[in-house]
């Protein structure tokens, strides 16, 4: 894979993640018991980046998604919440992925990312509110995160098995 092809692939993943993020904001609130909870559909793209790109390029996809989604439909506070969740989630997913496919699947990696994203966001919320009582909301968000992480992991696993059938996937594997 040439450098230009790799850059186009990174741009495509980032664009897909931004579009999914913006569409998810337009979806009416799905969880009546957990205000502020979202499905985290853009995490599908993060999983795909983690499994098809080197670490540095996967990080670029996440960073581009954060910045563009904020510029296109967010505020400074949404950026702070999203960035804290995304950074903690990304590094947590990376650490769990390094355990190996024999120990944990893509579904487990996705679920880890979902729960860590909630922890990152609640940490920022507790810092802004200057009280740790905000973390009492963690069990509710963790439960929703586990369910959505499993669903996102199943979807990402499906996509990954199909992307492996494409010819350029072998060139992506050579990058890693």
C-alpha atoms as a PDB file:
ATOM      1  CA  UNK A   1       0.000   0.000   0.000  1.00  0.00           C
ATOM      2  CA  UNK A   2       1.367   3.359  -0.960  1.00  0.00           C
ATOM      3  CA  UNK A   3       1.455   6.338   1.359  1.00  0.00           C
ATOM      4  CA  UNK A   4      -1.365   7.996  -0.575  1.00  0.00           C
ATOM      5  CA  UNK A   5      -3.562   4.899  -0.331  1.00  0.00           C
ATOM      6  CA  UNK A   6      -2.958   4.758   3.426  1.00  0.00           C
ATOM      7  CA  UNK A   7      -3.861   8.444   3.792  1.00  0.00           C
ATOM      8  CA  UNK A   8      -7.045   7.935   1.788  1.00  0.00           C
ATOM      9  CA  UNK A   9      -7.990   4.966   3.985  1.00  0.00           C
ATOM     10  CA  UNK A  10      -7.388   7.047   7.135  1.00  0.00           C
ATOM     11  CA  UNK A  11      -9.470   9.884   5.674  1.00  0.00           C
ATOM     12  CA  UNK A  12     -12.295   7.504   4.754  1.00  0.00           C
ATOM     13  CA  UNK A  13     -12.405   6.020   8.238  1.00  0.00           C
ATOM     14  CA  UNK A  14     -12.319   9.479   9.832  1.00  0.00           C
ATOM     15  CA  UNK A  15     -15.063  10.759   7.523  1.00  0.00           C
ATOM     16  CA  UNK A  16     -17.241   7.749   8.300  1.00  0.00           C
ATOM     17  CA  UNK A  17     -16.721   8.265  12.033  1.00  0.00           C
ATOM     18  CA  UNK A  18     -17.629  11.964  11.795  1.00  0.00           C
ATOM     19  CA  UNK A  19     -20.783  11.239   9.810  1.00  0.00           C
ATOM     20  CA  UNK A  20     -21.828   8.499  12.232  1.00  0.00           C
ATOM     21  CA  UNK A  21     -21.205  10.857  15.183  1.00  0.00           C
ATOM     22  CA  UNK A  22     -23.329  13.593  13.623  1.00  0.00           C
ATOM     23  CA  UNK A  23     -26.116  11.152  12.754  1.00  0.00           C
ATOM     24  CA  UNK A  24     -26.067   9.764  16.285  1.00  0.00           C
ATOM     25  CA  UNK A  25     -26.579  13.264  17.674  1.00  0.00           C
ATOM     26  CA  UNK A  26     -29.677  13.576  15.491  1.00  0.00           C
ATOM     27  CA  UNK A  27     -31.189  10.344  16.840  1.00  0.00           C
ATOM     28  CA  UNK A  28     -33.683  10.998  19.616  1.00  0.00           C
ATOM     29  CA  UNK A  29     -32.591   9.964  23.066  1.00  0.00           C
ATOM     30  CA  UNK A  30     -32.710   6.128  23.175  1.00  0.00           C
ATOM     31  CA  UNK A  31     -32.325   5.506  26.914  1.00  0.00           C
ATOM     32  CA  UNK A  32     -34.994   7.005  29.171  1.00  0.00           C
ATOM     33  CA  UNK A  33     -33.357   5.604  32.320  1.00  0.00           C
ATOM     34  CA  UNK A  34     -29.922   7.037  31.527  1.00  0.00           C
ATOM     35  CA  UNK A  35     -29.933  10.688  30.466  1.00  0.00           C
ATOM     36  CA  UNK A  36     -26.970  11.527  28.281  1.00  0.00           C
ATOM     37  CA  UNK A  37     -26.207   7.928  27.314  1.00  0.00           C
ATOM     38  CA  UNK A  38     -25.542   7.257  23.636  1.00  0.00           C
ATOM     39  CA  UNK A  39     -24.939   4.106  21.658  1.00  0.00           C
ATOM     40  CA  UNK A  40     -21.415   5.101  20.592  1.00  0.00           C
ATOM     41  CA  UNK A  41     -21.837   4.009  16.995  1.00  0.00           C
ATOM     42  CA  UNK A  42     -18.645   5.774  15.891  1.00  0.00           C
ATOM     43  CA  UNK A  43     -16.775   3.248  18.018  1.00  0.00           C
ATOM     44  CA  UNK A  44     -17.285   0.801  15.130  1.00  0.00           C
ATOM     45  CA  UNK A  45     -14.835   2.882  13.132  1.00  0.00           C
ATOM     46  CA  UNK A  46     -12.406   3.083  16.058  1.00  0.00           C
ATOM     47  CA  UNK A  47     -12.438  -0.716  16.274  1.00  0.00           C
ATOM     48  CA  UNK A  48     -11.849  -1.003  12.546  1.00  0.00           C
ATOM     49  CA  UNK A  49      -8.933   1.426  12.787  1.00  0.00           C
ATOM     50  CA  UNK A  50      -7.405  -0.473  15.713  1.00  0.00           C
ATOM     51  CA  UNK A  51      -7.575  -3.757  13.855  1.00  0.00           C
ATOM     52  CA  UNK A  52      -6.532  -2.574  10.371  1.00  0.00           C
ATOM     53  CA  UNK A  53      -4.063   0.268  10.953  1.00  0.00           C
ATOM     54  CA  UNK A  54      -0.877   0.837  12.929  1.00  0.00           C
ATOM     55  CA  UNK A  55      -1.273   2.536  16.317  1.00  0.00           C
ATOM     56  CA  UNK A  56      -0.254   5.990  15.106  1.00  0.00           C
ATOM     57  CA  UNK A  57      -2.696   5.944  12.202  1.00  0.00           C
ATOM     58  CA  UNK A  58      -5.549   4.623  14.357  1.00  0.00           C
ATOM     59  CA  UNK A  59      -4.883   7.485  16.762  1.00  0.00           C
ATOM     60  CA  UNK A  60      -5.098   9.913  13.852  1.00  0.00           C
ATOM     61  CA  UNK A  61      -8.544   8.576  12.958  1.00  0.00           C
ATOM     62  CA  UNK A  62      -9.772   9.136  16.523  1.00  0.00           C
ATOM     63  CA  UNK A  63      -8.225  12.623  16.736  1.00  0.00           C
ATOM     64  CA  UNK A  64      -9.669  13.730  13.397  1.00  0.00           C
ATOM     65  CA  UNK A  65     -13.097  12.433  14.407  1.00  0.00           C
ATOM     66  CA  UNK A  66     -12.973  14.318  17.702  1.00  0.00           C
ATOM     67  CA  UNK A  67     -11.968  17.627  16.174  1.00  0.00           C
ATOM     68  CA  UNK A  68     -14.273  17.527  13.146  1.00  0.00           C
ATOM     69  CA  UNK A  69     -17.328  16.284  15.048  1.00  0.00           C
ATOM     70  CA  UNK A  70     -16.828  19.091  17.568  1.00  0.00           C
ATOM     71  CA  UNK A  71     -16.371  21.720  14.865  1.00  0.00           C
ATOM     72  CA  UNK A  72     -19.438  20.528  12.969  1.00  0.00           C
ATOM     73  CA  UNK A  73     -21.830  20.216  15.861  1.00  0.00           C
ATOM     74  CA  UNK A  74     -20.364  20.596  19.285  1.00  0.00           C
ATOM     75  CA  UNK A  75     -19.108  22.962  21.929  1.00  0.00           C
ATOM     76  CA  UNK A  76     -16.007  23.201  24.085  1.00  0.00           C
ATOM     77  CA  UNK A  77     -17.710  21.195  26.823  1.00  0.00           C
ATOM     78  CA  UNK A  78     -18.720  18.423  24.410  1.00  0.00           C
ATOM     79  CA  UNK A  79     -15.132  18.370  23.176  1.00  0.00           C
ATOM     80  CA  UNK A  80     -13.838  17.995  26.744  1.00  0.00           C
ATOM     81  CA  UNK A  81     -16.231  15.137  27.490  1.00  0.00           C
ATOM     82  CA  UNK A  82     -15.621  13.434  24.158  1.00  0.00           C
ATOM     83  CA  UNK A  83     -11.854  13.832  24.289  1.00  0.00           C
ATOM     84  CA  UNK A  84     -11.551  12.433  27.804  1.00  0.00           C
ATOM     85  CA  UNK A  85     -13.740   9.487  26.924  1.00  0.00           C
ATOM     86  CA  UNK A  86     -12.089   8.845  23.568  1.00  0.00           C
ATOM     87  CA  UNK A  87      -8.511   8.988  24.866  1.00  0.00           C
ATOM     88  CA  UNK A  88      -9.190   6.708  27.832  1.00  0.00           C
ATOM     89  CA  UNK A  89     -11.248   4.391  25.643  1.00  0.00           C
ATOM     90  CA  UNK A  90      -8.639   4.256  22.865  1.00  0.00           C
ATOM     91  CA  UNK A  91      -5.731   3.393  25.133  1.00  0.00           C
ATOM     92  CA  UNK A  92      -7.837   0.935  27.121  1.00  0.00           C
ATOM     93  CA  UNK A  93      -8.970  -0.793  23.939  1.00  0.00           C
ATOM     94  CA  UNK A  94      -5.385  -0.917  22.735  1.00  0.00           C
ATOM     95  CA  UNK A  95      -4.187  -2.468  26.001  1.00  0.00           C
ATOM     96  CA  UNK A  96      -6.934  -5.088  25.994  1.00  0.00           C
ATOM     97  CA  UNK A  97      -6.331  -5.854  22.307  1.00  0.00           C
ATOM     98  CA  UNK A  98      -2.669  -6.520  23.098  1.00  0.00           C
ATOM     99  CA  UNK A  99      -3.768  -9.438  25.307  1.00  0.00           C
ATOM    100  CA  UNK A 100      -4.256 -11.298  22.059  1.00  0.00           C
ATOM    101  CA  UNK A 101      -7.122 -12.705  20.049  1.00  0.00           C
ATOM    102  CA  UNK A 102      -6.893 -15.993  21.936  1.00  0.00           C
ATOM    103  CA  UNK A 103      -7.749 -14.251  25.227  1.00  0.00           C
ATOM    104  CA  UNK A 104     -10.225 -11.564  24.211  1.00  0.00           C
ATOM    105  CA  UNK A 105     -12.307 -10.924  21.122  1.00  0.00           C
ATOM    106  CA  UNK A 106     -13.164  -7.736  19.298  1.00  0.00           C
ATOM    107  CA  UNK A 107     -16.439  -7.734  21.232  1.00  0.00           C
ATOM    108  CA  UNK A 108     -14.511  -7.613  24.517  1.00  0.00           C
ATOM    109  CA  UNK A 109     -12.283  -4.844  23.198  1.00  0.00           C
ATOM    110  CA  UNK A 110     -15.334  -2.832  22.170  1.00  0.00           C
ATOM    111  CA  UNK A 111     -17.048  -3.369  25.518  1.00  0.00           C
ATOM    112  CA  UNK A 112     -13.910  -2.240  27.344  1.00  0.00           C
ATOM    113  CA  UNK A 113     -13.854   0.901  25.232  1.00  0.00           C
ATOM    114  CA  UNK A 114     -17.504   1.658  25.942  1.00  0.00           C
ATOM    115  CA  UNK A 115     -17.125   1.377  29.720  1.00  0.00           C
ATOM    116  CA  UNK A 116     -13.859   3.353  29.753  1.00  0.00           C
ATOM    117  CA  UNK A 117     -15.474   6.071  27.635  1.00  0.00           C
ATOM    118  CA  UNK A 118     -18.136   6.454  30.325  1.00  0.00           C
ATOM    119  CA  UNK A 119     -15.486   6.593  33.050  1.00  0.00           C
ATOM    120  CA  UNK A 120     -13.589   9.300  31.157  1.00  0.00           C
ATOM    121  CA  UNK A 121     -16.693  11.395  30.661  1.00  0.00           C
ATOM    122  CA  UNK A 122     -17.793  11.069  34.286  1.00  0.00           C
ATOM    123  CA  UNK A 123     -14.312  12.021  35.450  1.00  0.00           C
ATOM    124  CA  UNK A 124     -14.528  15.260  33.468  1.00  0.00           C
ATOM    125  CA  UNK A 125     -18.063  15.839  34.771  1.00  0.00           C
ATOM    126  CA  UNK A 126     -16.884  15.373  38.354  1.00  0.00           C
ATOM    127  CA  UNK A 127     -13.994  17.764  37.732  1.00  0.00           C
ATOM    128  CA  UNK A 128     -16.358  20.397  36.305  1.00  0.00           C
ATOM    129  CA  UNK A 129     -18.914  19.915  39.097  1.00  0.00           C
ATOM    130  CA  UNK A 130     -16.093  19.712  41.665  1.00  0.00           C
ATOM    131  CA  UNK A 131     -17.660  16.704  43.342  1.00  0.00           C
ATOM    132  CA  UNK A 132     -17.085  12.982  43.053  1.00  0.00           C
ATOM    133  CA  UNK A 133     -20.787  12.224  43.577  1.00  0.00           C
ATOM    134  CA  UNK A 134     -21.205  12.378  39.798  1.00  0.00           C
ATOM    135  CA  UNK A 135     -19.492   8.979  39.700  1.00  0.00           C
ATOM    136  CA  UNK A 136     -22.549   7.468  41.399  1.00  0.00           C
ATOM    137  CA  UNK A 137     -24.053   7.511  37.901  1.00  0.00           C
ATOM    138  CA  UNK A 138     -21.338   5.073  36.722  1.00  0.00           C
ATOM    139  CA  UNK A 139     -23.221   1.787  37.357  1.00  0.00           C
ATOM    140  CA  UNK A 140     -26.115   2.899  35.152  1.00  0.00           C
ATOM    141  CA  UNK A 141     -23.828   4.132  32.386  1.00  0.00           C
ATOM    142  CA  UNK A 142     -21.588   1.061  32.697  1.00  0.00           C
ATOM    143  CA  UNK A 143     -24.575  -1.250  32.203  1.00  0.00           C
ATOM    144  CA  UNK A 144     -25.663   0.683  29.104  1.00  0.00           C
ATOM    145  CA  UNK A 145     -22.022   0.765  27.970  1.00  0.00           C
ATOM    146  CA  UNK A 146     -21.683  -2.996  28.273  1.00  0.00           C
ATOM    147  CA  UNK A 147     -24.805  -3.584  26.212  1.00  0.00           C
ATOM    148  CA  UNK A 148     -23.870  -1.075  23.534  1.00  0.00           C
ATOM    149  CA  UNK A 149     -20.235  -2.270  23.567  1.00  0.00           C
ATOM    150  CA  UNK A 150     -21.378  -5.800  22.811  1.00  0.00           C
ATOM    151  CA  UNK A 151     -23.615  -4.586  19.980  1.00  0.00           C
ATOM    152  CA  UNK A 152     -20.862  -2.376  18.531  1.00  0.00           C
ATOM    153  CA  UNK A 153     -18.364  -5.234  18.863  1.00  0.00           C
ATOM    154  CA  UNK A 154     -20.637  -7.610  16.972  1.00  0.00           C
ATOM    155  CA  UNK A 155     -21.085  -5.056  14.184  1.00  0.00           C
ATOM    156  CA  UNK A 156     -17.342  -4.305  14.027  1.00  0.00           C
ATOM    157  CA  UNK A 157     -16.535  -8.033  14.010  1.00  0.00           C
ATOM    158  CA  UNK A 158     -18.912  -8.507  11.085  1.00  0.00           C
ATOM    159  CA  UNK A 159     -17.286  -5.635   9.186  1.00  0.00           C
ATOM    160  CA  UNK A 160     -13.777  -6.861   9.954  1.00  0.00           C
ATOM    161  CA  UNK A 161     -14.490 -10.348   8.629  1.00  0.00           C
ATOM    162  CA  UNK A 162     -15.769  -8.813   5.414  1.00  0.00           C
ATOM    163  CA  UNK A 163     -12.974  -6.285   5.010  1.00  0.00           C
ATOM    164  CA  UNK A 164     -10.481  -9.146   5.232  1.00  0.00           C
ATOM    165  CA  UNK A 165     -11.943 -10.460   1.976  1.00  0.00           C
ATOM    166  CA  UNK A 166     -10.971  -7.300   0.102  1.00  0.00           C
ATOM    167  CA  UNK A 167      -7.754  -7.262  -1.901  1.00  0.00           C
ATOM    168  CA  UNK A 168      -6.294  -4.128  -0.352  1.00  0.00           C
ATOM    169  CA  UNK A 169      -6.601  -5.556   3.152  1.00  0.00           C
ATOM    170  CA  UNK A 170      -3.425  -7.553   2.577  1.00  0.00           C
ATOM    171  CA  UNK A 171      -1.632  -4.299   1.849  1.00  0.00           C
ATOM    172  CA  UNK A 172      -3.008  -2.875   5.106  1.00  0.00           C
ATOM    173  CA  UNK A 173      -1.658  -5.867   7.028  1.00  0.00           C
ATOM    174  CA  UNK A 174       1.801  -5.210   5.589  1.00  0.00           C
ATOM    175  CA  UNK A 175       1.725  -1.766   7.225  1.00  0.00           C
ATOM    176  CA  UNK A 176       1.343  -3.268  10.663  1.00  0.00           C
END
